[in-house]
Amino acid sequence: MPLLLQGGFFAALLGAASAWDIKKRIIPDSICLGVALTGLLIFEPMKLFGILAAVPFLLAALVFGGMGGGDIKLMAAAGLVLGLQKGIAAIIMGLTGMLAFHAICFIVQKLRGRMLQRHTPSRRFFLSAASQHIF
């Protein structure tokens, strides 16, 4: 029962983060804090290492830029809930989904004879993958 409660809160908060991001292009700290606090519903000390799942995003932001702090905070908060192994799996699934999405968009636009410049934040793909890994 606690896992269902945690999973429900986790998925709802990730959905809220995605909806807020679509409208305002920002993720509030309160949502990141809420995601992190869902980890306390079923606390396991080993899951604290899940915060390390955000390190690749932090490094990418520092080296290449183009990624906001909200992305990194949300990845770290979700890592606290998922743990390191599931956090990395969610990141891989999310990035794979993003790659597939952009490949399909590229092919469709190429067939139409035009190219659109489209920016789609990676967090939407990560959020759907992370919500699958809670269970």
Protein backbone atom coordinates (compact mmCIF):
# COMPACT_ATOMS: atom_id res chain seq x y z
CA MET A 1 0.00 0.00 0.00
CA PRO A 2 2.76 2.55 0.80
CA LEU A 3 4.32 1.87 -2.62
CA LEU A 4 1.05 2.75 -4.34
CA LEU A 5 0.79 5.93 -2.28
CA GLN A 6 4.37 6.89 -3.06
CA GLY A 7 3.93 6.04 -6.73
CA GLY A 8 0.73 8.05 -6.93
CA PHE A 9 2.29 11.15 -5.38
CA PHE A 10 5.43 10.73 -7.48
CA ALA A 11 3.52 10.42 -10.77
CA ALA A 12 1.21 13.31 -9.87
CA LEU A 13 4.11 15.60 -9.02
CA LEU A 14 5.99 14.64 -12.17
CA GLY A 15 2.84 15.33 -14.18
CA ALA A 16 2.50 18.71 -12.45
CA ALA A 17 6.14 19.49 -13.24
CA SER A 18 5.58 18.63 -16.88
CA ALA A 19 2.38 20.70 -17.13
CA TRP A 20 3.99 23.66 -15.38
CA ASP A 21 6.99 23.38 -17.67
CA ILE A 22 4.82 23.37 -20.80
CA LYS A 23 3.05 26.55 -19.67
CA LYS A 24 5.84 28.54 -18.03
CA ARG A 25 9.07 26.78 -19.11
CA ILE A 26 10.19 26.51 -15.50
CA ILE A 27 9.94 23.90 -12.75
CA PRO A 28 9.11 25.39 -9.35
CA ASP A 29 11.29 24.47 -6.39
CA SER A 30 8.16 23.43 -4.50
CA ILE A 31 7.52 20.63 -7.00
CA CYS A 32 11.14 19.45 -6.78
CA LEU A 33 10.87 19.47 -2.99
CA GLY A 34 7.59 17.55 -3.15
CA VAL A 35 9.18 14.92 -5.38
CA ALA A 36 12.11 14.57 -2.97
CA LEU A 37 9.75 14.28 0.01
CA THR A 38 7.89 11.39 -1.61
CA GLY A 39 11.09 9.44 -1.07
CA LEU A 40 10.42 9.64 2.67
CA LEU A 41 7.21 7.63 2.32
CA ILE A 42 9.33 4.51 1.80
CA PHE A 43 12.75 5.55 3.02
CA GLU A 44 15.75 3.38 2.18
CA PRO A 45 19.20 4.80 2.91
CA MET A 46 20.64 3.27 -0.29
CA LYS A 47 18.27 5.40 -2.36
CA LEU A 48 20.15 8.49 -1.19
CA PHE A 49 22.78 7.59 -3.80
CA GLY A 50 20.09 8.26 -6.41
CA ILE A 51 20.95 11.93 -6.19
CA LEU A 52 24.05 11.02 -8.20
CA ALA A 53 21.80 10.35 -11.21
CA ALA A 54 21.67 14.13 -11.66
CA VAL A 55 25.46 14.46 -11.99
CA PRO A 56 25.56 13.90 -15.79
CA PHE A 57 22.99 16.67 -16.22
CA LEU A 58 24.92 19.00 -13.92
CA LEU A 59 28.12 18.35 -15.88
CA ALA A 60 26.34 18.84 -19.21
CA ALA A 61 24.89 22.14 -17.98
CA LEU A 62 28.27 23.35 -16.77
CA VAL A 63 30.16 22.29 -19.90
CA PHE A 64 27.63 22.87 -22.69
CA GLY A 65 24.93 25.05 -21.12
CA GLY A 66 21.36 25.08 -22.37
CA MET A 67 19.92 23.27 -19.37
CA GLY A 68 18.29 25.01 -16.46
CA GLY A 69 18.77 24.37 -12.79
CA GLY A 70 15.20 23.10 -12.47
CA ASP A 71 16.06 20.15 -14.68
CA ILE A 72 18.98 19.21 -12.49
CA LYS A 73 17.02 19.66 -9.24
CA LEU A 74 14.15 17.55 -10.57
CA MET A 75 16.54 14.79 -11.68
CA ALA A 76 18.18 14.80 -8.25
CA ALA A 77 14.81 14.72 -6.46
CA ALA A 78 13.55 11.88 -8.63
CA GLY A 79 16.82 10.05 -8.02
CA LEU A 80 16.16 10.20 -4.28
CA VAL A 81 12.86 8.42 -4.85
CA LEU A 82 14.08 5.90 -7.45
CA GLY A 83 17.58 5.19 -6.23
CA LEU A 84 20.69 5.23 -8.39
CA GLN A 85 20.02 2.14 -10.51
CA LYS A 86 16.41 2.97 -11.37
CA GLY A 87 17.30 6.64 -11.73
CA ILE A 88 19.90 5.87 -14.38
CA ALA A 89 17.50 3.44 -16.08
CA ALA A 90 14.85 6.19 -16.19
CA ILE A 91 17.36 8.62 -17.67
CA ILE A 92 18.36 6.12 -20.36
CA MET A 93 14.71 5.41 -21.19
CA GLY A 94 13.89 9.11 -21.26
CA LEU A 95 16.81 9.99 -23.51
CA THR A 96 15.98 7.05 -25.80
CA GLY A 97 12.39 8.29 -26.04
CA MET A 98 13.59 11.80 -26.82
CA LEU A 99 15.95 10.50 -29.51
CA ALA A 100 13.16 8.45 -31.11
CA PHE A 101 10.81 11.45 -31.02
CA HIS A 102 13.31 13.75 -32.69
CA ALA A 103 14.25 11.11 -35.28
CA ILE A 104 10.60 10.71 -36.25
CA CYS A 105 10.11 14.49 -36.39
CA PHE A 106 13.22 14.81 -38.55
CA ILE A 107 12.02 12.13 -40.97
CA VAL A 108 8.52 13.60 -41.22
CA GLN A 109 9.85 17.10 -41.79
CA LYS A 110 12.33 15.82 -44.37
CA LEU A 111 9.52 14.06 -46.25
CA ARG A 112 7.49 17.29 -46.19
CA GLY A 113 10.45 19.17 -47.61
CA ARG A 114 10.87 21.57 -44.75
CA MET A 115 12.80 21.71 -41.52
CA LEU A 116 11.46 23.25 -38.36
CA GLN A 117 13.67 24.34 -35.53
CA ARG A 118 12.08 22.71 -32.53
CA HIS A 119 13.26 22.71 -28.96
CA THR A 120 11.76 19.98 -26.80
CA PRO A 121 13.09 19.82 -23.24
CA SER A 122 14.33 16.37 -22.24
CA ARG A 123 12.57 16.45 -18.89
CA ARG A 124 9.22 15.51 -20.43
CA PHE A 125 10.67 12.24 -21.65
CA PHE A 126 12.47 11.64 -18.36
CA LEU A 127 9.31 12.27 -16.37
CA SER A 128 7.36 9.59 -18.20
CA ALA A 129 10.23 7.11 -17.86
CA ALA A 130 10.72 7.92 -14.16
CA SER A 131 7.07 7.40 -13.35
CA GLN A 132 7.30 3.92 -14.89
CA HIS A 133 10.27 2.99 -12.71
CA ILE A 134 8.63 3.79 -9.37
CA PHE A 135 6.82 0.46 -9.52
